[in-house]
């Protein structure tokens, strides 16, 4: 049996996540303390106590999900669990967590990169000008045409941000274009077209300035080859070369997360189970929808 560790992205956060681990696991406590030190901020206090409005700020939530996920992994490994895995993968910011888990990035570097990524995303587009929406019940080919039509109708960017599972896709871009795309999707028979509570439109062409900042930041990071390959959001294939991985991390800022294709690629790589590590269980549910033949587990610490 071959396993892949998978790590979640934004949306899986909750106030209080990881608090029990912090109180009971020295390994987990070390992770939270290291992230606090790297950021020069008691991010752990926001994670454990909120308020939720502060936790969900893009600049906080990305390193917060990272800290909680790595604390879970280190606590499990201290207890003799989560020792054997053949690959890692992550959804959006989860790729950074995956690379830290595989030893390619240090805790400190990952925390700083995710803080920069979040701050840069918030700066890139004025509040209220960008939007994301989830579309349920349409296949991606039809939705791609809807995005093009919305762009033509409004002059604004409308991109596929997350190809999460069959019939579950997230679009991202300029608010007027996203609004029109939702109307077109409903008219085309979508079961649901709903704005997500984010003003930042990640994985769209509006994030070009973020890609530039992250390219510069990553060029200064000493990234090691990961101990096991990363299944990239860019290629849905294994990567181990640090330069290729850095290019892929920059690429994913302005391009969609190909999660459905990533999971579909796993059986050919000999993967028989996914182990989700982090707050929530969103990814495990997606795995079961995409490839029922793969065993989808959640790490229990």
C-alpha atoms as a PDB file:
ATOM      1  CA  UNK A   1       0.000   0.000   0.000  1.00  0.00           C
ATOM      2  CA  UNK A   2       1.415   3.370  -1.090  1.00  0.00           C
ATOM      3  CA  UNK A   3       0.305   6.581   0.633  1.00  0.00           C
ATOM      4  CA  UNK A   4       0.310  10.254  -0.248  1.00  0.00           C
ATOM      5  CA  UNK A   5       0.044  12.986   2.373  1.00  0.00           C
ATOM      6  CA  UNK A   6      -2.303  15.760   1.228  1.00  0.00           C
ATOM      7  CA  UNK A   7      -2.590  19.211   2.800  1.00  0.00           C
ATOM      8  CA  UNK A   8      -5.531  21.641   2.656  1.00  0.00           C
ATOM      9  CA  UNK A   9      -5.807  25.229   1.505  1.00  0.00           C
ATOM     10  CA  UNK A  10      -7.736  28.258   2.645  1.00  0.00           C
ATOM     11  CA  UNK A  11     -11.260  27.570   3.858  1.00  0.00           C
ATOM     12  CA  UNK A  12     -10.428  24.772   6.302  1.00  0.00           C
ATOM     13  CA  UNK A  13      -9.615  27.115   9.209  1.00  0.00           C
ATOM     14  CA  UNK A  14     -11.493  27.384  12.498  1.00  0.00           C
ATOM     15  CA  UNK A  15     -10.791  29.263  15.718  1.00  0.00           C
ATOM     16  CA  UNK A  16      -9.292  26.860  18.255  1.00  0.00           C
ATOM     17  CA  UNK A  17      -7.740  24.499  15.722  1.00  0.00           C
ATOM     18  CA  UNK A  18      -4.633  22.809  17.091  1.00  0.00           C
ATOM     19  CA  UNK A  19      -5.135  24.049  20.679  1.00  0.00           C
ATOM     20  CA  UNK A  20      -5.403  20.565  22.172  1.00  0.00           C
ATOM     21  CA  UNK A  21      -2.230  19.520  20.355  1.00  0.00           C
ATOM     22  CA  UNK A  22      -0.403  22.597  21.649  1.00  0.00           C
ATOM     23  CA  UNK A  23      -1.423  21.733  25.209  1.00  0.00           C
ATOM     24  CA  UNK A  24      -0.529  18.047  25.009  1.00  0.00           C
ATOM     25  CA  UNK A  25       2.236  17.535  22.435  1.00  0.00           C
ATOM     26  CA  UNK A  26       5.744  19.008  22.810  1.00  0.00           C
ATOM     27  CA  UNK A  27       6.343  18.437  19.094  1.00  0.00           C
ATOM     28  CA  UNK A  28       3.224  20.387  18.149  1.00  0.00           C
ATOM     29  CA  UNK A  29       4.079  23.171  20.590  1.00  0.00           C
ATOM     30  CA  UNK A  30       7.500  23.521  18.966  1.00  0.00           C
ATOM     31  CA  UNK A  31       5.843  24.072  15.586  1.00  0.00           C
ATOM     32  CA  UNK A  32       3.518  26.816  16.823  1.00  0.00           C
ATOM     33  CA  UNK A  33       6.369  28.495  18.711  1.00  0.00           C
ATOM     34  CA  UNK A  34       8.638  28.339  15.654  1.00  0.00           C
ATOM     35  CA  UNK A  35       5.984  29.951  13.439  1.00  0.00           C
ATOM     36  CA  UNK A  36       5.368  32.675  16.040  1.00  0.00           C
ATOM     37  CA  UNK A  37       9.114  33.370  16.165  1.00  0.00           C
ATOM     38  CA  UNK A  38       9.459  33.429  12.373  1.00  0.00           C
ATOM     39  CA  UNK A  39       6.635  35.944  11.989  1.00  0.00           C
ATOM     40  CA  UNK A  40       7.475  38.033  15.066  1.00  0.00           C
ATOM     41  CA  UNK A  41       3.835  37.716  16.087  1.00  0.00           C
ATOM     42  CA  UNK A  42       1.782  35.540  18.424  1.00  0.00           C
ATOM     43  CA  UNK A  43      -0.146  34.030  15.546  1.00  0.00           C
ATOM     44  CA  UNK A  44      -0.904  31.063  17.802  1.00  0.00           C
ATOM     45  CA  UNK A  45      -2.995  33.330  20.030  1.00  0.00           C
ATOM     46  CA  UNK A  46      -5.141  34.315  17.030  1.00  0.00           C
ATOM     47  CA  UNK A  47      -5.417  30.660  15.956  1.00  0.00           C
ATOM     48  CA  UNK A  48      -6.528  29.479  19.380  1.00  0.00           C
ATOM     49  CA  UNK A  49      -8.655  32.446  20.490  1.00  0.00           C
ATOM     50  CA  UNK A  50      -9.677  34.396  17.401  1.00  0.00           C
ATOM     51  CA  UNK A  51     -11.552  36.479  16.655  1.00  0.00           C
ATOM     52  CA  UNK A  52     -12.524  34.710  13.444  1.00  0.00           C
ATOM     53  CA  UNK A  53     -12.369  38.007  11.518  1.00  0.00           C
ATOM     54  CA  UNK A  54      -8.681  38.331  12.362  1.00  0.00           C
ATOM     55  CA  UNK A  55      -7.905  34.668  11.729  1.00  0.00           C
ATOM     56  CA  UNK A  56      -9.477  34.776   8.260  1.00  0.00           C
ATOM     57  CA  UNK A  57      -7.406  37.744   7.114  1.00  0.00           C
ATOM     58  CA  UNK A  58      -5.480  36.359   4.155  1.00  0.00           C
ATOM     59  CA  UNK A  59      -2.126  37.276   5.697  1.00  0.00           C
ATOM     60  CA  UNK A  60      -2.994  35.321   8.870  1.00  0.00           C
ATOM     61  CA  UNK A  61      -4.977  32.365   7.628  1.00  0.00           C
ATOM     62  CA  UNK A  62      -2.306  31.016   5.279  1.00  0.00           C
ATOM     63  CA  UNK A  63       0.465  30.645   7.900  1.00  0.00           C
ATOM     64  CA  UNK A  64      -2.195  29.604  10.441  1.00  0.00           C
ATOM     65  CA  UNK A  65      -3.319  26.607   8.375  1.00  0.00           C
ATOM     66  CA  UNK A  66       0.336  25.785   7.779  1.00  0.00           C
ATOM     67  CA  UNK A  67       1.198  25.885  11.498  1.00  0.00           C
ATOM     68  CA  UNK A  68      -1.779  23.736  12.451  1.00  0.00           C
ATOM     69  CA  UNK A  69      -1.129  21.154   9.728  1.00  0.00           C
ATOM     70  CA  UNK A  70       2.558  20.808  10.549  1.00  0.00           C
ATOM     71  CA  UNK A  71       1.773  20.587  14.268  1.00  0.00           C
ATOM     72  CA  UNK A  72      -0.566  17.671  13.524  1.00  0.00           C
ATOM     73  CA  UNK A  73       2.092  15.948  11.436  1.00  0.00           C
ATOM     74  CA  UNK A  74       4.918  16.430  13.956  1.00  0.00           C
ATOM     75  CA  UNK A  75       2.716  15.280  16.849  1.00  0.00           C
ATOM     76  CA  UNK A  76       1.763  12.140  14.933  1.00  0.00           C
ATOM     77  CA  UNK A  77       5.369  11.410  14.018  1.00  0.00           C
ATOM     78  CA  UNK A  78       6.447  11.872  17.635  1.00  0.00           C
ATOM     79  CA  UNK A  79       3.915   9.155  18.483  1.00  0.00           C
ATOM     80  CA  UNK A  80       5.311   6.812  15.838  1.00  0.00           C
ATOM     81  CA  UNK A  81       2.562   7.533  13.306  1.00  0.00           C
ATOM     82  CA  UNK A  82       2.661   9.084   9.803  1.00  0.00           C
ATOM     83  CA  UNK A  83       6.132   7.710   9.123  1.00  0.00           C
ATOM     84  CA  UNK A  84       5.757   6.199   5.660  1.00  0.00           C
ATOM     85  CA  UNK A  85       4.582   8.134   2.621  1.00  0.00           C
ATOM     86  CA  UNK A  86       5.555   7.982  -1.028  1.00  0.00           C
ATOM     87  CA  UNK A  87       4.358  11.400  -2.221  1.00  0.00           C
ATOM     88  CA  UNK A  88       3.018  14.731  -0.964  1.00  0.00           C
ATOM     89  CA  UNK A  89       0.515  17.135  -2.497  1.00  0.00           C
ATOM     90  CA  UNK A  90      -1.356  20.225  -1.405  1.00  0.00           C
ATOM     91  CA  UNK A  91      -4.305  22.317  -2.490  1.00  0.00           C
ATOM     92  CA  UNK A  92      -3.085  25.844  -3.282  1.00  0.00           C
ATOM     93  CA  UNK A  93      -1.210  27.036  -0.155  1.00  0.00           C
ATOM     94  CA  UNK A  94      -1.188  23.355   0.850  1.00  0.00           C
ATOM     95  CA  UNK A  95       1.680  22.861  -1.602  1.00  0.00           C
ATOM     96  CA  UNK A  96       3.916  24.912   0.688  1.00  0.00           C
ATOM     97  CA  UNK A  97       2.884  22.754   3.653  1.00  0.00           C
ATOM     98  CA  UNK A  98       3.564  19.627   1.600  1.00  0.00           C
ATOM     99  CA  UNK A  99       7.058  20.852   0.759  1.00  0.00           C
ATOM    100  CA  UNK A 100       7.807  21.584   4.420  1.00  0.00           C
ATOM    101  CA  UNK A 101       6.515  18.129   5.385  1.00  0.00           C
ATOM    102  CA  UNK A 102       8.856  16.580   2.817  1.00  0.00           C
ATOM    103  CA  UNK A 103      11.854  18.537   4.104  1.00  0.00           C
ATOM    104  CA  UNK A 104      12.233  20.873   1.116  1.00  0.00           C
ATOM    105  CA  UNK A 105      11.406  24.003   3.147  1.00  0.00           C
ATOM    106  CA  UNK A 106      12.089  24.895   6.771  1.00  0.00           C
ATOM    107  CA  UNK A 107       9.297  25.871   9.158  1.00  0.00           C
ATOM    108  CA  UNK A 108      10.607  29.415   9.320  1.00  0.00           C
ATOM    109  CA  UNK A 109      10.931  29.889   5.565  1.00  0.00           C
ATOM    110  CA  UNK A 110       7.491  28.415   4.898  1.00  0.00           C
ATOM    111  CA  UNK A 111       5.810  30.659   7.460  1.00  0.00           C
ATOM    112  CA  UNK A 112       7.478  33.764   6.002  1.00  0.00           C
ATOM    113  CA  UNK A 113       6.622  32.790   2.425  1.00  0.00           C
ATOM    114  CA  UNK A 114       2.965  32.237   3.293  1.00  0.00           C
ATOM    115  CA  UNK A 115       2.761  35.528   5.210  1.00  0.00           C
ATOM    116  CA  UNK A 116       4.176  37.314   2.145  1.00  0.00           C
ATOM    117  CA  UNK A 117       1.845  35.394  -0.170  1.00  0.00           C
ATOM    118  CA  UNK A 118      -1.191  36.423   1.862  1.00  0.00           C
ATOM    119  CA  UNK A 119      -0.160  40.073   2.227  1.00  0.00           C
ATOM    120  CA  UNK A 120       0.673  40.328  -1.465  1.00  0.00           C
ATOM    121  CA  UNK A 121      -2.677  38.848  -2.482  1.00  0.00           C
ATOM    122  CA  UNK A 122      -4.521  41.408  -0.364  1.00  0.00           C
ATOM    123  CA  UNK A 123      -2.514  44.266  -1.893  1.00  0.00           C
ATOM    124  CA  UNK A 124      -2.983  43.078  -5.470  1.00  0.00           C
ATOM    125  CA  UNK A 125      -6.686  43.875  -5.850  1.00  0.00           C
ATOM    126  CA  UNK A 126      -8.669  46.545  -3.954  1.00  0.00           C
ATOM    127  CA  UNK A 127     -11.285  45.179  -1.567  1.00  0.00           C
ATOM    128  CA  UNK A 128     -14.574  44.697  -3.392  1.00  0.00           C
ATOM    129  CA  UNK A 129     -13.040  44.584  -6.870  1.00  0.00           C
ATOM    130  CA  UNK A 130     -12.286  40.850  -6.909  1.00  0.00           C
ATOM    131  CA  UNK A 131     -14.408  37.811  -6.157  1.00  0.00           C
ATOM    132  CA  UNK A 132     -14.533  34.019  -6.108  1.00  0.00           C
ATOM    133  CA  UNK A 133     -17.557  31.791  -6.625  1.00  0.00           C
ATOM    134  CA  UNK A 134     -18.232  28.075  -6.455  1.00  0.00           C
ATOM    135  CA  UNK A 135     -20.199  26.540  -9.307  1.00  0.00           C
ATOM    136  CA  UNK A 136     -21.874  23.175  -8.730  1.00  0.00           C
ATOM    137  CA  UNK A 137     -23.336  20.894 -11.355  1.00  0.00           C
ATOM    138  CA  UNK A 138     -21.510  21.971 -14.511  1.00  0.00           C
ATOM    139  CA  UNK A 139     -18.548  20.242 -16.116  1.00  0.00           C
ATOM    140  CA  UNK A 140     -15.386  22.234 -16.567  1.00  0.00           C
ATOM    141  CA  UNK A 141     -15.521  22.484 -20.377  1.00  0.00           C
ATOM    142  CA  UNK A 142     -18.886  24.238 -20.255  1.00  0.00           C
ATOM    143  CA  UNK A 143     -17.728  26.490 -17.448  1.00  0.00           C
ATOM    144  CA  UNK A 144     -14.645  27.546 -19.385  1.00  0.00           C
ATOM    145  CA  UNK A 145     -16.920  28.851 -22.150  1.00  0.00           C
ATOM    146  CA  UNK A 146     -19.029  30.670 -19.562  1.00  0.00           C
ATOM    147  CA  UNK A 147     -15.887  32.346 -18.219  1.00  0.00           C
ATOM    148  CA  UNK A 148     -14.954  33.502 -21.726  1.00  0.00           C
ATOM    149  CA  UNK A 149     -18.466  34.850 -22.288  1.00  0.00           C
ATOM    150  CA  UNK A 150     -18.386  36.695 -18.952  1.00  0.00           C
ATOM    151  CA  UNK A 151     -15.075  38.279 -19.901  1.00  0.00           C
ATOM    152  CA  UNK A 152     -16.470  39.360 -23.255  1.00  0.00           C
ATOM    153  CA  UNK A 153     -19.552  40.796 -21.602  1.00  0.00           C
ATOM    154  CA  UNK A 154     -17.781  42.775 -18.878  1.00  0.00           C
ATOM    155  CA  UNK A 155     -14.187  43.270 -19.987  1.00  0.00           C
ATOM    156  CA  UNK A 156     -13.050  41.775 -16.683  1.00  0.00           C
ATOM    157  CA  UNK A 157     -10.986  38.701 -15.817  1.00  0.00           C
ATOM    158  CA  UNK A 158     -12.864  35.454 -15.128  1.00  0.00           C
ATOM    159  CA  UNK A 159     -10.703  32.344 -14.636  1.00  0.00           C
ATOM    160  CA  UNK A 160     -11.078  28.769 -13.426  1.00  0.00           C
ATOM    161  CA  UNK A 161      -9.413  28.880 -10.007  1.00  0.00           C
ATOM    162  CA  UNK A 162     -10.026  25.350  -8.660  1.00  0.00           C
ATOM    163  CA  UNK A 163     -11.034  22.238 -10.578  1.00  0.00           C
ATOM    164  CA  UNK A 164     -11.931  20.477  -7.347  1.00  0.00           C
ATOM    165  CA  UNK A 165     -14.049  17.491  -8.398  1.00  0.00           C
ATOM    166  CA  UNK A 166     -16.500  16.517 -11.136  1.00  0.00           C
ATOM    167  CA  UNK A 167     -19.187  19.172 -11.112  1.00  0.00           C
ATOM    168  CA  UNK A 168     -17.474  21.305  -8.446  1.00  0.00           C
ATOM    169  CA  UNK A 169     -15.429  24.218  -9.720  1.00  0.00           C
ATOM    170  CA  UNK A 170     -14.366  27.585  -8.328  1.00  0.00           C
ATOM    171  CA  UNK A 171     -14.012  30.671 -10.526  1.00  0.00           C
ATOM    172  CA  UNK A 172     -12.011  33.785  -9.680  1.00  0.00           C
ATOM    173  CA  UNK A 173     -11.537  37.252 -11.091  1.00  0.00           C
ATOM    174  CA  UNK A 174     -13.099  40.698 -11.338  1.00  0.00           C
ATOM    175  CA  UNK A 175     -16.355  41.045  -9.410  1.00  0.00           C
ATOM    176  CA  UNK A 176     -18.555  42.092 -12.396  1.00  0.00           C
ATOM    177  CA  UNK A 177     -17.259  39.180 -14.487  1.00  0.00           C
ATOM    178  CA  UNK A 178     -17.819  36.679 -11.669  1.00  0.00           C
ATOM    179  CA  UNK A 179     -21.365  38.012 -11.170  1.00  0.00           C
ATOM    180  CA  UNK A 180     -22.129  37.550 -14.856  1.00  0.00           C
ATOM    181  CA  UNK A 181     -20.564  34.082 -14.899  1.00  0.00           C
ATOM    182  CA  UNK A 182     -22.806  33.024 -12.018  1.00  0.00           C
ATOM    183  CA  UNK A 183     -25.886  34.221 -13.921  1.00  0.00           C
ATOM    184  CA  UNK A 184     -24.763  32.361 -17.041  1.00  0.00           C
ATOM    185  CA  UNK A 185     -24.014  29.239 -15.008  1.00  0.00           C
ATOM    186  CA  UNK A 186     -27.492  29.247 -13.454  1.00  0.00           C
ATOM    187  CA  UNK A 187     -29.018  29.668 -16.902  1.00  0.00           C
ATOM    188  CA  UNK A 188     -26.933  26.693 -18.100  1.00  0.00           C
ATOM    189  CA  UNK A 189     -28.353  24.471 -15.351  1.00  0.00           C
ATOM    190  CA  UNK A 190     -25.891  24.832 -12.481  1.00  0.00           C
ATOM    191  CA  UNK A 191     -27.285  23.429  -9.235  1.00  0.00           C
ATOM    192  CA  UNK A 192     -25.547  26.161  -7.304  1.00  0.00           C
ATOM    193  CA  UNK A 193     -23.603  29.338  -8.065  1.00  0.00           C
ATOM    194  CA  UNK A 194     -22.515  31.118  -4.900  1.00  0.00           C
ATOM    195  CA  UNK A 195     -20.003  33.800  -4.003  1.00  0.00           C
ATOM    196  CA  UNK A 196     -17.340  32.739  -1.515  1.00  0.00           C
ATOM    197  CA  UNK A 197     -16.509  35.017   1.436  1.00  0.00           C
ATOM    198  CA  UNK A 198     -13.252  36.252  -0.107  1.00  0.00           C
ATOM    199  CA  UNK A 199     -12.455  39.586  -1.723  1.00  0.00           C
ATOM    200  CA  UNK A 200      -9.100  38.270  -2.940  1.00  0.00           C
ATOM    201  CA  UNK A 201      -9.307  36.475  -6.321  1.00  0.00           C
ATOM    202  CA  UNK A 202      -6.450  33.917  -6.144  1.00  0.00           C
ATOM    203  CA  UNK A 203      -5.450  31.689  -9.046  1.00  0.00           C
ATOM    204  CA  UNK A 204      -6.462  34.330 -11.574  1.00  0.00           C
ATOM    205  CA  UNK A 205      -4.636  36.695 -13.906  1.00  0.00           C
ATOM    206  CA  UNK A 206      -5.334  39.501 -11.440  1.00  0.00           C
ATOM    207  CA  UNK A 207      -2.571  38.019  -9.276  1.00  0.00           C
ATOM    208  CA  UNK A 208       0.340  38.874 -11.623  1.00  0.00           C
ATOM    209  CA  UNK A 209       1.922  41.231  -9.084  1.00  0.00           C
ATOM    210  CA  UNK A 210       1.752  38.451  -6.471  1.00  0.00           C
ATOM    211  CA  UNK A 211       3.519  36.076  -8.846  1.00  0.00           C
ATOM    212  CA  UNK A 212       6.297  38.628  -9.302  1.00  0.00           C
ATOM    213  CA  UNK A 213       6.741  39.064  -5.533  1.00  0.00           C
ATOM    214  CA  UNK A 214       6.739  35.327  -4.901  1.00  0.00           C
ATOM    215  CA  UNK A 215       9.205  34.687  -7.709  1.00  0.00           C
ATOM    216  CA  UNK A 216      11.620  37.141  -6.111  1.00  0.00           C
ATOM    217  CA  UNK A 217      11.085  35.712  -2.611  1.00  0.00           C
ATOM    218  CA  UNK A 218      11.492  32.107  -3.726  1.00  0.00           C
ATOM    219  CA  UNK A 219      14.709  32.938  -5.581  1.00  0.00           C
ATOM    220  CA  UNK A 220      16.252  33.814  -2.218  1.00  0.00           C
ATOM    221  CA  UNK A 221      15.136  30.609  -0.480  1.00  0.00           C
ATOM    222  CA  UNK A 222      17.412  27.591  -0.137  1.00  0.00           C
ATOM    223  CA  UNK A 223      14.951  24.891  -1.121  1.00  0.00           C
ATOM    224  CA  UNK A 224      16.137  21.285  -0.768  1.00  0.00           C
ATOM    225  CA  UNK A 225      14.956  18.432  -2.994  1.00  0.00           C
ATOM    226  CA  UNK A 226      11.948  16.966  -1.156  1.00  0.00           C
ATOM    227  CA  UNK A 227      12.445  13.579   0.496  1.00  0.00           C
ATOM    228  CA  UNK A 228       9.502  12.307  -1.579  1.00  0.00           C
ATOM    229  CA  UNK A 229       8.136  13.811  -4.800  1.00  0.00           C
ATOM    230  CA  UNK A 230       5.568  16.603  -4.790  1.00  0.00           C
ATOM    231  CA  UNK A 231       2.577  16.010  -7.060  1.00  0.00           C
ATOM    232  CA  UNK A 232       2.355  19.498  -8.486  1.00  0.00           C
ATOM    233  CA  UNK A 233      -0.763  21.643  -8.898  1.00  0.00           C
ATOM    234  CA  UNK A 234       0.781  22.759 -12.198  1.00  0.00           C
ATOM    235  CA  UNK A 235       1.535  19.418 -13.864  1.00  0.00           C
ATOM    236  CA  UNK A 236      -0.346  16.810 -11.782  1.00  0.00           C
ATOM    237  CA  UNK A 237       2.914  14.852 -11.947  1.00  0.00           C
ATOM    238  CA  UNK A 238       5.812  14.181  -9.546  1.00  0.00           C
ATOM    239  CA  UNK A 239       8.419  16.914  -9.044  1.00  0.00           C
ATOM    240  CA  UNK A 240      11.680  16.828  -7.087  1.00  0.00           C
ATOM    241  CA  UNK A 241      13.860  19.509  -8.684  1.00  0.00           C
ATOM    242  CA  UNK A 242      13.832  22.668  -6.506  1.00  0.00           C
ATOM    243  CA  UNK A 243      13.986  25.048  -9.473  1.00  0.00           C
ATOM    244  CA  UNK A 244      11.045  23.338 -11.171  1.00  0.00           C
ATOM    245  CA  UNK A 245       9.110  23.385  -7.909  1.00  0.00           C
ATOM    246  CA  UNK A 246       9.747  27.097  -7.435  1.00  0.00           C
ATOM    247  CA  UNK A 247       8.518  27.773 -10.972  1.00  0.00           C
ATOM    248  CA  UNK A 248       5.397  25.727 -10.256  1.00  0.00           C
ATOM    249  CA  UNK A 249       4.709  27.668  -7.040  1.00  0.00           C
ATOM    250  CA  UNK A 250       4.866  30.925  -8.986  1.00  0.00           C
ATOM    251  CA  UNK A 251       2.709  29.481 -11.776  1.00  0.00           C
ATOM    252  CA  UNK A 252      -0.088  28.451  -9.393  1.00  0.00           C
ATOM    253  CA  UNK A 253      -0.560  32.067  -8.257  1.00  0.00           C
ATOM    254  CA  UNK A 254      -2.147  33.008 -11.592  1.00  0.00           C
ATOM    255  CA  UNK A 255      -3.431  29.587 -12.731  1.00  0.00           C
ATOM    256  CA  UNK A 256      -6.030  27.154 -11.445  1.00  0.00           C
ATOM    257  CA  UNK A 257      -5.504  24.289  -8.997  1.00  0.00           C
ATOM    258  CA  UNK A 258      -5.944  21.016 -10.907  1.00  0.00           C
ATOM    259  CA  UNK A 259      -7.039  18.955  -7.928  1.00  0.00           C
ATOM    260  CA  UNK A 260      -9.362  16.607  -9.823  1.00  0.00           C
ATOM    261  CA  UNK A 261      -6.609  15.727 -12.280  1.00  0.00           C
ATOM    262  CA  UNK A 262      -4.086  15.328  -9.463  1.00  0.00           C
ATOM    263  CA  UNK A 263      -6.202  12.680  -7.749  1.00  0.00           C
ATOM    264  CA  UNK A 264      -6.969  10.936 -11.044  1.00  0.00           C
ATOM    265  CA  UNK A 265      -3.202  10.614 -11.636  1.00  0.00           C
ATOM    266  CA  UNK A 266      -2.542   8.779  -8.364  1.00  0.00           C
ATOM    267  CA  UNK A 267      -3.511   5.165  -9.259  1.00  0.00           C
ATOM    268  CA  UNK A 268      -0.973   5.116 -12.102  1.00  0.00           C
ATOM    269  CA  UNK A 269       1.686   6.110  -9.550  1.00  0.00           C
ATOM    270  CA  UNK A 270       0.753   3.165  -7.339  1.00  0.00           C
ATOM    271  CA  UNK A 271      -0.984   5.297  -4.702  1.00  0.00           C
ATOM    272  CA  UNK A 272      -3.720   3.403  -2.881  1.00  0.00           C
ATOM    273  CA  UNK A 273      -4.554   5.838  -0.071  1.00  0.00           C
ATOM    274  CA  UNK A 274      -4.545   9.545   0.688  1.00  0.00           C
ATOM    275  CA  UNK A 275      -3.946  10.812   4.215  1.00  0.00           C
ATOM    276  CA  UNK A 276      -5.242  14.334   4.803  1.00  0.00           C
ATOM    277  CA  UNK A 277      -3.249  16.314   7.340  1.00  0.00           C
ATOM    278  CA  UNK A 278      -4.613  19.612   8.592  1.00  0.00           C
ATOM    279  CA  UNK A 279      -7.807  21.202   9.858  1.00  0.00           C
ATOM    280  CA  UNK A 280     -11.052  19.904   8.360  1.00  0.00           C
ATOM    281  CA  UNK A 281     -11.616  17.031   5.952  1.00  0.00           C
ATOM    282  CA  UNK A 282     -12.522  18.833   2.724  1.00  0.00           C
ATOM    283  CA  UNK A 283      -9.870  17.100   0.633  1.00  0.00           C
ATOM    284  CA  UNK A 284     -10.842  13.602   1.769  1.00  0.00           C
ATOM    285  CA  UNK A 285     -14.393  14.233   0.608  1.00  0.00           C
ATOM    286  CA  UNK A 286     -13.131  15.400  -2.771  1.00  0.00           C
ATOM    287  CA  UNK A 287     -10.913  12.324  -3.126  1.00  0.00           C
ATOM    288  CA  UNK A 288     -13.882  10.023  -2.541  1.00  0.00           C
ATOM    289  CA  UNK A 289     -15.864  11.831  -5.226  1.00  0.00           C
ATOM    290  CA  UNK A 290     -13.031  11.868  -7.750  1.00  0.00           C
ATOM    291  CA  UNK A 291     -11.545   8.377  -7.363  1.00  0.00           C
ATOM    292  CA  UNK A 292     -13.620   6.024  -5.177  1.00  0.00           C
ATOM    293  CA  UNK A 293     -10.993   3.285  -5.583  1.00  0.00           C
ATOM    294  CA  UNK A 294      -8.545   5.241  -3.427  1.00  0.00           C
ATOM    295  CA  UNK A 295      -8.886   4.994   0.356  1.00  0.00           C
ATOM    296  CA  UNK A 296      -9.279   8.522   1.747  1.00  0.00           C
ATOM    297  CA  UNK A 297      -8.141   8.882   5.365  1.00  0.00           C
ATOM    298  CA  UNK A 298      -7.844  11.780   7.791  1.00  0.00           C
ATOM    299  CA  UNK A 299      -4.808  11.798  10.086  1.00  0.00           C
ATOM    300  CA  UNK A 300      -5.930  11.215  13.650  1.00  0.00           C
ATOM    301  CA  UNK A 301      -3.447  12.388  16.263  1.00  0.00           C
END
